[in-house]
């Protein structure tokens, strides 16, 4: 395995391909020299497989040039000179170059096709692994509310006097399960390109965000700090805005630095609004930010943290934002932390009706 990794690193240097090409063509010329009495009528014949090999492992164009030079210098009279005397030598050289260029073209297509197949296979394997991790995380998360429901029903039989308390617990956990199922259904609709069914009403955006922050502060010991004007009226989907805020806050609390505040900043920008959720902690590497919003995908840093996740939250955030004509972006830097910024138009009715 180490030898293979070393070889792959070596191949990444351009000089390696040129040196390998030079070695292959030189070796071919040596073999042709040893077999010259047999190959004299066809001075280019052994250079065709050399060109083909170089197309895959070296540099095809460079191999064609070297092969033509070596052939003319050693195997086409006058020997030891790059000079063509007879017209048929010109013709044979032209035929060799054209045939070699055709070989190179076919080889490049095969290389491209191979890379595409490898890429698709890699994506399928990644998706398979992501789905398996998703099922594992889902099973784990469903177990908690289901266990709570089972225990509550058992307590109903043993302690009828606690009916109201146990009923409330059952309703709470059933609601949790419904939310999980709804997240899965919505995520798969987004994957299939089906528009999310959104009901648009006029409401105060700040009230919605404030309610989410207050509910999460009860659970997470007032870690969320809201900075916003008192009122921003507009037309949005209340459920979509709420779920955007919930998912971003949950994400920030889960992966942010413990005991550090999570800030929500809401700004009014002419005909748009901006919702920014920021947490302190280690940044998300730039090469991982590209697929953060893909279904079932989780950043490598999130996986290494050991914290369970479905890979749905950010997918839903982006899906809800784009469904309302907005967008979402991430800003993550060392010493700054991580911010997810959602921008929405103040009136999404035209976007929803168009869809």
Protein backbone atom coordinates (compact mmCIF):
# COMPACT_ATOMS: atom_id res chain seq x y z
CA UNK A 1 0.00 0.00 0.00
CA UNK A 2 2.83 2.43 0.85
CA UNK A 3 4.59 1.61 -2.42
CA UNK A 4 1.38 2.34 -4.35
CA UNK A 5 0.88 5.66 -2.55
CA UNK A 6 4.50 6.60 -3.30
CA UNK A 7 4.03 5.71 -6.97
CA UNK A 8 0.84 7.80 -7.17
CA UNK A 9 2.65 10.78 -5.65
CA UNK A 10 5.49 10.31 -8.11
CA UNK A 11 3.06 10.25 -11.02
CA UNK A 12 1.65 13.60 -9.96
CA UNK A 13 4.92 15.31 -10.99
CA UNK A 14 4.99 16.22 -14.73
CA UNK A 15 8.75 15.50 -15.00
CA UNK A 16 8.04 11.88 -14.06
CA UNK A 17 5.93 11.34 -17.17
CA UNK A 18 8.56 12.83 -19.47
CA UNK A 19 11.35 10.75 -17.93
CA UNK A 20 9.25 7.59 -18.15
CA UNK A 21 8.43 8.36 -21.79
CA UNK A 22 12.12 8.86 -22.58
CA UNK A 23 12.98 5.54 -20.93
CA UNK A 24 10.23 3.63 -22.78
CA UNK A 25 11.10 5.03 -26.20
CA UNK A 26 14.83 4.47 -25.58
CA UNK A 27 14.18 0.87 -24.54
CA UNK A 28 12.02 0.37 -27.65
CA UNK A 29 14.82 1.71 -29.84
CA UNK A 30 17.26 -0.70 -28.16
CA UNK A 31 14.97 -3.69 -28.76
CA UNK A 32 14.45 -2.62 -32.37
CA UNK A 33 18.22 -2.35 -32.81
CA UNK A 34 18.67 -5.91 -31.51
CA UNK A 35 15.95 -7.19 -33.84
CA UNK A 36 16.95 -4.95 -36.73
CA UNK A 37 17.62 -7.70 -39.29
CA UNK A 38 14.01 -8.84 -38.88
CA UNK A 39 12.42 -5.38 -38.61
CA UNK A 40 14.35 -3.47 -41.27
CA UNK A 41 11.35 -3.32 -43.67
CA UNK A 42 9.21 -1.75 -40.91
CA UNK A 43 11.35 0.73 -38.92
CA UNK A 44 8.38 2.15 -36.99
CA UNK A 45 6.60 -1.05 -35.99
CA UNK A 46 7.80 -1.37 -32.37
CA UNK A 47 7.19 2.31 -31.66
CA UNK A 48 3.40 1.93 -31.95
CA UNK A 49 3.03 -0.10 -28.71
CA UNK A 50 5.53 2.27 -27.08
CA UNK A 51 3.35 5.24 -27.98
CA UNK A 52 0.26 3.43 -26.70
CA UNK A 53 1.94 2.61 -23.38
CA UNK A 54 3.16 6.19 -23.00
CA UNK A 55 -0.36 7.52 -23.62
CA UNK A 56 -1.50 5.75 -20.45
CA UNK A 57 1.54 6.11 -18.21
CA UNK A 58 3.72 8.83 -19.73
CA UNK A 59 3.19 11.62 -22.25
CA UNK A 60 1.70 10.55 -25.59
CA UNK A 61 2.67 13.59 -27.65
CA UNK A 62 6.24 13.53 -26.36
CA UNK A 63 6.49 9.81 -27.19
CA UNK A 64 5.39 10.45 -30.81
CA UNK A 65 8.07 13.14 -31.25
CA UNK A 66 10.79 10.97 -29.69
CA UNK A 67 9.75 7.91 -31.68
CA UNK A 68 9.91 9.85 -34.95
CA UNK A 69 13.36 11.24 -34.08
CA UNK A 70 14.77 7.89 -32.94
CA UNK A 71 13.39 6.09 -36.00
CA UNK A 72 14.81 8.61 -38.43
CA UNK A 73 18.17 8.79 -36.69
CA UNK A 74 18.82 5.07 -36.20
CA UNK A 75 16.60 3.08 -38.55
CA UNK A 76 16.00 5.11 -41.73
CA UNK A 77 18.94 5.68 -44.07
CA UNK A 78 21.10 7.69 -44.04
CA UNK A 79 21.74 6.35 -40.52
CA UNK A 80 22.86 8.54 -37.61
CA UNK A 81 21.31 11.59 -39.26
CA UNK A 82 17.87 13.15 -39.10
CA UNK A 83 17.43 13.55 -42.84
CA UNK A 84 14.96 12.06 -45.29
CA UNK A 85 16.28 11.24 -48.76
CA UNK A 86 13.62 9.19 -50.49
CA UNK A 87 9.99 10.28 -50.98
CA UNK A 88 8.72 6.98 -49.56
CA UNK A 89 10.56 7.81 -46.30
CA UNK A 90 8.54 11.02 -46.07
CA UNK A 91 5.39 9.04 -46.68
CA UNK A 92 6.24 6.38 -44.07
CA UNK A 93 7.04 9.03 -41.47
CA UNK A 94 3.77 10.84 -42.21
CA UNK A 95 1.82 7.57 -41.90
CA UNK A 96 3.54 6.78 -38.61
CA UNK A 97 2.77 10.20 -37.14
CA UNK A 98 -0.87 10.08 -38.24
CA UNK A 99 -1.33 6.54 -36.89
CA UNK A 100 0.42 7.44 -33.63
CA UNK A 101 -1.78 10.53 -33.22
CA UNK A 102 -4.84 8.36 -33.78
CA UNK A 103 -3.60 5.94 -31.11
CA UNK A 104 -3.10 8.87 -28.74
CA UNK A 105 -6.61 10.19 -29.41
CA UNK A 106 -8.21 6.79 -28.77
CA UNK A 107 -6.11 6.32 -25.63
CA UNK A 108 -7.15 9.72 -24.28
CA UNK A 109 -10.81 8.82 -24.76
CA UNK A 110 -10.26 5.55 -22.90
CA UNK A 111 -8.44 7.34 -20.09
CA UNK A 112 -11.26 9.87 -19.81
CA UNK A 113 -13.89 7.12 -19.81
CA UNK A 114 -11.96 5.21 -17.16
CA UNK A 115 -11.72 8.29 -14.94
CA UNK A 116 -15.45 8.94 -15.33
CA UNK A 117 -16.26 5.34 -14.38
CA UNK A 118 -13.91 5.54 -11.38
CA UNK A 119 -15.50 8.83 -10.32
CA UNK A 120 -19.03 7.41 -10.58
CA UNK A 121 -17.95 4.29 -8.69
CA UNK A 122 -16.36 6.42 -5.99
CA UNK A 123 -19.52 8.51 -5.69
CA UNK A 124 -21.67 5.38 -5.45
CA UNK A 125 -19.44 3.92 -2.74
CA UNK A 126 -19.53 7.21 -0.84
CA UNK A 127 -23.30 7.37 -1.15
CA UNK A 128 -23.61 3.75 0.00
CA UNK A 129 -21.45 4.51 3.03
CA UNK A 130 -23.39 7.71 3.73
CA UNK A 131 -26.71 5.87 3.55
CA UNK A 132 -25.44 3.19 5.93
CA UNK A 133 -24.28 5.86 8.37
CA UNK A 134 -27.63 7.62 7.96
CA UNK A 135 -29.58 4.45 8.77
CA UNK A 136 -27.37 3.84 11.80
CA UNK A 137 -27.85 7.41 13.07
CA UNK A 138 -31.59 7.27 12.37
CA UNK A 139 -31.97 4.01 14.27
CA UNK A 140 -30.09 5.50 17.21
CA UNK A 141 -32.15 8.70 17.24
CA UNK A 142 -35.48 6.89 16.89
CA UNK A 143 -34.67 4.59 19.77
CA UNK A 144 -34.74 7.40 22.34
CA UNK A 145 -38.31 8.69 21.73
CA UNK A 146 -39.65 5.16 21.17
CA UNK A 147 -38.17 4.03 24.49
CA UNK A 148 -39.66 7.08 26.20
CA UNK A 149 -43.10 6.31 24.71
CA UNK A 150 -42.91 2.67 25.83
CA UNK A 151 -41.92 3.65 29.38
CA UNK A 152 -44.66 6.27 29.53
CA UNK A 153 -47.33 3.74 28.50
CA UNK A 154 -46.06 1.34 31.16
CA UNK A 155 -46.28 4.11 33.76
CA UNK A 156 -49.84 4.82 32.68
CA UNK A 157 -50.76 1.30 33.76
CA UNK A 158 -48.88 1.48 37.04
CA UNK A 159 -49.62 5.08 38.00
CA UNK A 160 -52.92 6.29 36.55
CA UNK A 161 -52.67 9.41 38.71
CA UNK A 162 -49.81 10.67 36.49
CA UNK A 163 -52.00 10.53 33.39
CA UNK A 164 -51.48 14.15 32.32
CA UNK A 165 -47.71 14.04 32.79
CA UNK A 166 -47.23 10.79 30.87
CA UNK A 167 -49.64 11.85 28.13
CA UNK A 168 -47.64 15.03 27.61
CA UNK A 169 -44.42 13.00 27.41
CA UNK A 170 -45.95 10.65 24.84
CA UNK A 171 -47.20 13.55 22.71
CA UNK A 172 -43.79 15.22 22.88
CA UNK A 173 -41.95 12.10 21.70
CA UNK A 174 -44.49 11.34 18.97
CA UNK A 175 -43.94 14.91 17.73
CA UNK A 176 -40.18 14.26 17.68
CA UNK A 177 -40.68 11.15 15.56
CA UNK A 178 -43.03 13.00 13.21
CA UNK A 179 -40.39 15.71 12.75
CA UNK A 180 -37.73 13.09 11.93
CA UNK A 181 -39.98 11.44 9.36
CA UNK A 182 -40.92 14.82 7.85
CA UNK A 183 -37.24 15.76 7.54
CA UNK A 184 -36.53 12.52 5.67
CA UNK A 185 -39.51 13.01 3.34
CA UNK A 186 -38.59 16.64 2.60
CA UNK A 187 -34.93 15.76 2.00
CA UNK A 188 -35.87 13.07 -0.50
CA UNK A 189 -38.25 15.47 -2.26
CA UNK A 190 -35.35 17.87 -2.67
CA UNK A 191 -33.18 15.06 -4.00
CA UNK A 192 -35.86 14.17 -6.55
CA UNK A 193 -36.25 17.82 -7.58
CA UNK A 194 -39.81 18.03 -6.25
CA UNK A 195 -40.73 21.51 -4.89
CA UNK A 196 -41.46 21.57 -1.17
CA UNK A 197 -45.08 22.40 -0.32
CA UNK A 198 -44.83 25.76 1.45
CA UNK A 199 -47.69 27.83 2.84
CA UNK A 200 -46.87 31.55 2.72
CA UNK A 201 -48.30 33.99 5.26
CA UNK A 202 -47.43 37.46 6.49
CA UNK A 203 -45.70 37.51 9.87
CA UNK A 204 -42.97 39.19 11.90
CA UNK A 205 -39.72 37.36 11.16
CA UNK A 206 -38.20 38.42 14.48
CA UNK A 207 -41.02 36.78 16.47
CA UNK A 208 -40.35 33.48 14.70
CA UNK A 209 -36.58 33.60 15.29
CA UNK A 210 -37.10 34.73 18.89
CA UNK A 211 -39.39 31.77 19.60
CA UNK A 212 -36.80 29.33 18.22
CA UNK A 213 -34.03 30.95 20.28
CA UNK A 214 -36.13 30.91 23.46
CA UNK A 215 -37.07 27.24 23.06
CA UNK A 216 -33.47 26.19 22.43
CA UNK A 217 -32.17 28.30 25.32
CA UNK A 218 -34.35 26.28 27.70
CA UNK A 219 -32.46 23.16 26.64
CA UNK A 220 -28.99 24.59 26.10
CA UNK A 221 -28.66 26.94 29.10
CA UNK A 222 -29.08 30.27 27.32
CA UNK A 223 -26.24 29.75 24.85
CA UNK A 224 -28.09 31.47 22.01
CA UNK A 225 -27.81 35.26 21.76
CA UNK A 226 -30.14 37.06 19.35
CA UNK A 227 -29.30 40.42 17.79
CA UNK A 228 -32.12 41.78 15.65
CA UNK A 229 -34.48 44.72 15.18
CA UNK A 230 -37.85 44.49 16.89
CA UNK A 231 -39.85 43.94 13.75
CA UNK A 232 -39.36 42.79 10.15
CA UNK A 233 -42.63 42.09 8.40
CA UNK A 234 -42.78 40.02 5.24
CA UNK A 235 -44.30 37.08 3.41
CA UNK A 236 -42.57 33.74 4.03
CA UNK A 237 -43.36 30.18 5.00
CA UNK A 238 -43.46 30.20 8.79
CA UNK A 239 -42.64 26.48 8.99
CA UNK A 240 -39.70 26.83 6.57
CA UNK A 241 -38.18 29.82 8.40
CA UNK A 242 -38.60 28.04 11.73
CA UNK A 243 -36.92 24.88 10.49
CA UNK A 244 -34.08 26.88 8.92
CA UNK A 245 -33.40 28.56 12.27
CA UNK A 246 -33.76 25.30 14.24
CA UNK A 247 -31.38 23.37 11.99
CA UNK A 248 -28.73 26.09 11.93
CA UNK A 249 -28.87 26.59 15.70
CA UNK A 250 -28.75 22.85 16.36
CA UNK A 251 -25.77 22.55 14.04
CA UNK A 252 -23.96 25.48 15.67
CA UNK A 253 -24.50 24.13 19.19
CA UNK A 254 -23.50 20.58 18.27
CA UNK A 255 -20.25 21.43 16.48
CA UNK A 256 -19.34 24.76 18.08
CA UNK A 257 -17.01 25.17 21.02
CA UNK A 258 -18.72 24.08 24.22
CA UNK A 259 -19.87 26.75 26.67
CA UNK A 260 -19.36 29.43 24.04
CA UNK A 261 -22.37 31.47 22.87
CA UNK A 262 -24.08 30.92 19.53
CA UNK A 263 -25.15 34.20 17.96
CA UNK A 264 -28.09 34.86 15.63
CA UNK A 265 -27.92 38.15 13.75
CA UNK A 266 -30.91 39.23 11.66
CA UNK A 267 -30.53 42.17 9.27
CA UNK A 268 -32.91 43.97 6.95
CA UNK A 269 -31.37 44.63 3.52
CA UNK A 270 -33.79 46.66 1.40
CA UNK A 271 -36.03 44.02 -0.21
CA UNK A 272 -34.22 41.14 1.51
CA UNK A 273 -33.45 39.84 4.97
CA UNK A 274 -30.31 38.10 6.20
CA UNK A 275 -30.15 35.52 8.98
CA UNK A 276 -26.65 34.69 10.23
CA UNK A 277 -25.96 31.94 12.78
CA UNK A 278 -22.40 31.97 14.13
CA UNK A 279 -20.49 29.66 16.44
CA UNK A 280 -16.92 29.68 17.68
CA UNK A 281 -14.61 26.71 17.31
CA UNK A 282 -12.55 24.89 14.71
CA UNK A 283 -13.28 26.01 11.14
CA UNK A 284 -14.64 23.76 8.40
CA UNK A 285 -11.87 23.07 5.85
CA UNK A 286 -12.49 24.86 2.55
CA UNK A 287 -12.38 21.59 0.57
CA UNK A 288 -15.25 20.23 2.70
CA UNK A 289 -17.46 23.31 2.37
CA UNK A 290 -18.41 22.43 -1.22
CA UNK A 291 -20.48 19.39 -0.26
CA UNK A 292 -21.85 20.49 3.13
CA UNK A 293 -25.33 20.94 1.67
CA UNK A 294 -25.41 17.59 -0.18
CA UNK A 295 -27.86 14.97 1.04
CA UNK A 296 -26.41 12.49 3.58
CA UNK A 297 -23.03 14.23 3.38
CA UNK A 298 -21.19 15.23 6.53
CA UNK A 299 -17.92 17.10 6.79
CA UNK A 300 -14.95 14.94 7.74
CA UNK A 301 -14.36 17.18 10.76
CA UNK A 302 -17.95 16.49 11.89
CA UNK A 303 -17.42 12.73 11.57
CA UNK A 304 -14.16 12.91 13.54
CA UNK A 305 -15.94 14.77 16.34
CA UNK A 306 -17.77 11.54 17.17
CA UNK A 307 -21.11 13.34 17.27
CA UNK A 308 -24.04 11.64 15.59
CA UNK A 309 -25.67 13.27 12.61
CA UNK A 310 -27.92 12.43 9.68
CA UNK A 311 -26.47 14.71 7.05
CA UNK A 312 -29.94 16.19 6.46
CA UNK A 313 -29.98 19.46 8.39
CA UNK A 314 -27.99 21.66 6.02
CA UNK A 315 -29.63 20.01 3.00
CA UNK A 316 -33.00 21.11 4.35
CA UNK A 317 -31.72 24.60 5.14
CA UNK A 318 -30.58 25.08 1.56
CA UNK A 319 -33.74 23.45 0.20
CA UNK A 320 -36.06 25.73 2.17
CA UNK A 321 -33.98 28.82 1.33
CA UNK A 322 -33.91 28.15 -2.42
CA UNK A 323 -37.60 27.19 -2.42
CA UNK A 324 -38.32 30.71 -1.17
CA UNK A 325 -36.03 32.35 -3.72
CA UNK A 326 -33.12 32.78 -1.33
CA UNK A 327 -29.73 31.20 -0.81
CA UNK A 328 -27.34 30.07 1.92
CA UNK A 329 -23.59 30.36 2.19
CA UNK A 330 -20.95 29.43 4.72
CA UNK A 331 -18.02 31.43 6.06
CA UNK A 332 -15.53 29.46 8.15
CA UNK A 333 -12.05 30.69 9.09
CA UNK A 334 -9.42 29.99 11.73
CA UNK A 335 -9.87 32.40 14.63
CA UNK A 336 -13.28 33.48 13.37
CA UNK A 337 -15.40 30.37 13.74
CA UNK A 338 -18.22 29.39 11.42
CA UNK A 339 -21.18 31.37 10.13
CA UNK A 340 -24.07 30.13 8.03
CA UNK A 341 -25.81 33.05 6.31
CA UNK A 342 -29.29 32.70 4.82
CA UNK A 343 -30.62 35.45 2.55
CA UNK A 344 -34.34 35.60 1.74
CA UNK A 345 -36.52 38.06 -0.18
CA UNK A 346 -39.11 39.84 1.96
CA UNK A 347 -41.94 38.60 -0.21
CA UNK A 348 -41.63 35.03 -1.52
CA UNK A 349 -45.18 34.76 -2.93
CA UNK A 350 -44.13 35.22 -6.54
CA UNK A 351 -41.44 32.52 -6.19
CA UNK A 352 -43.81 30.01 -4.58
CA UNK A 353 -46.55 30.67 -7.16
CA UNK A 354 -44.06 30.28 -10.03
CA UNK A 355 -43.01 26.87 -8.72
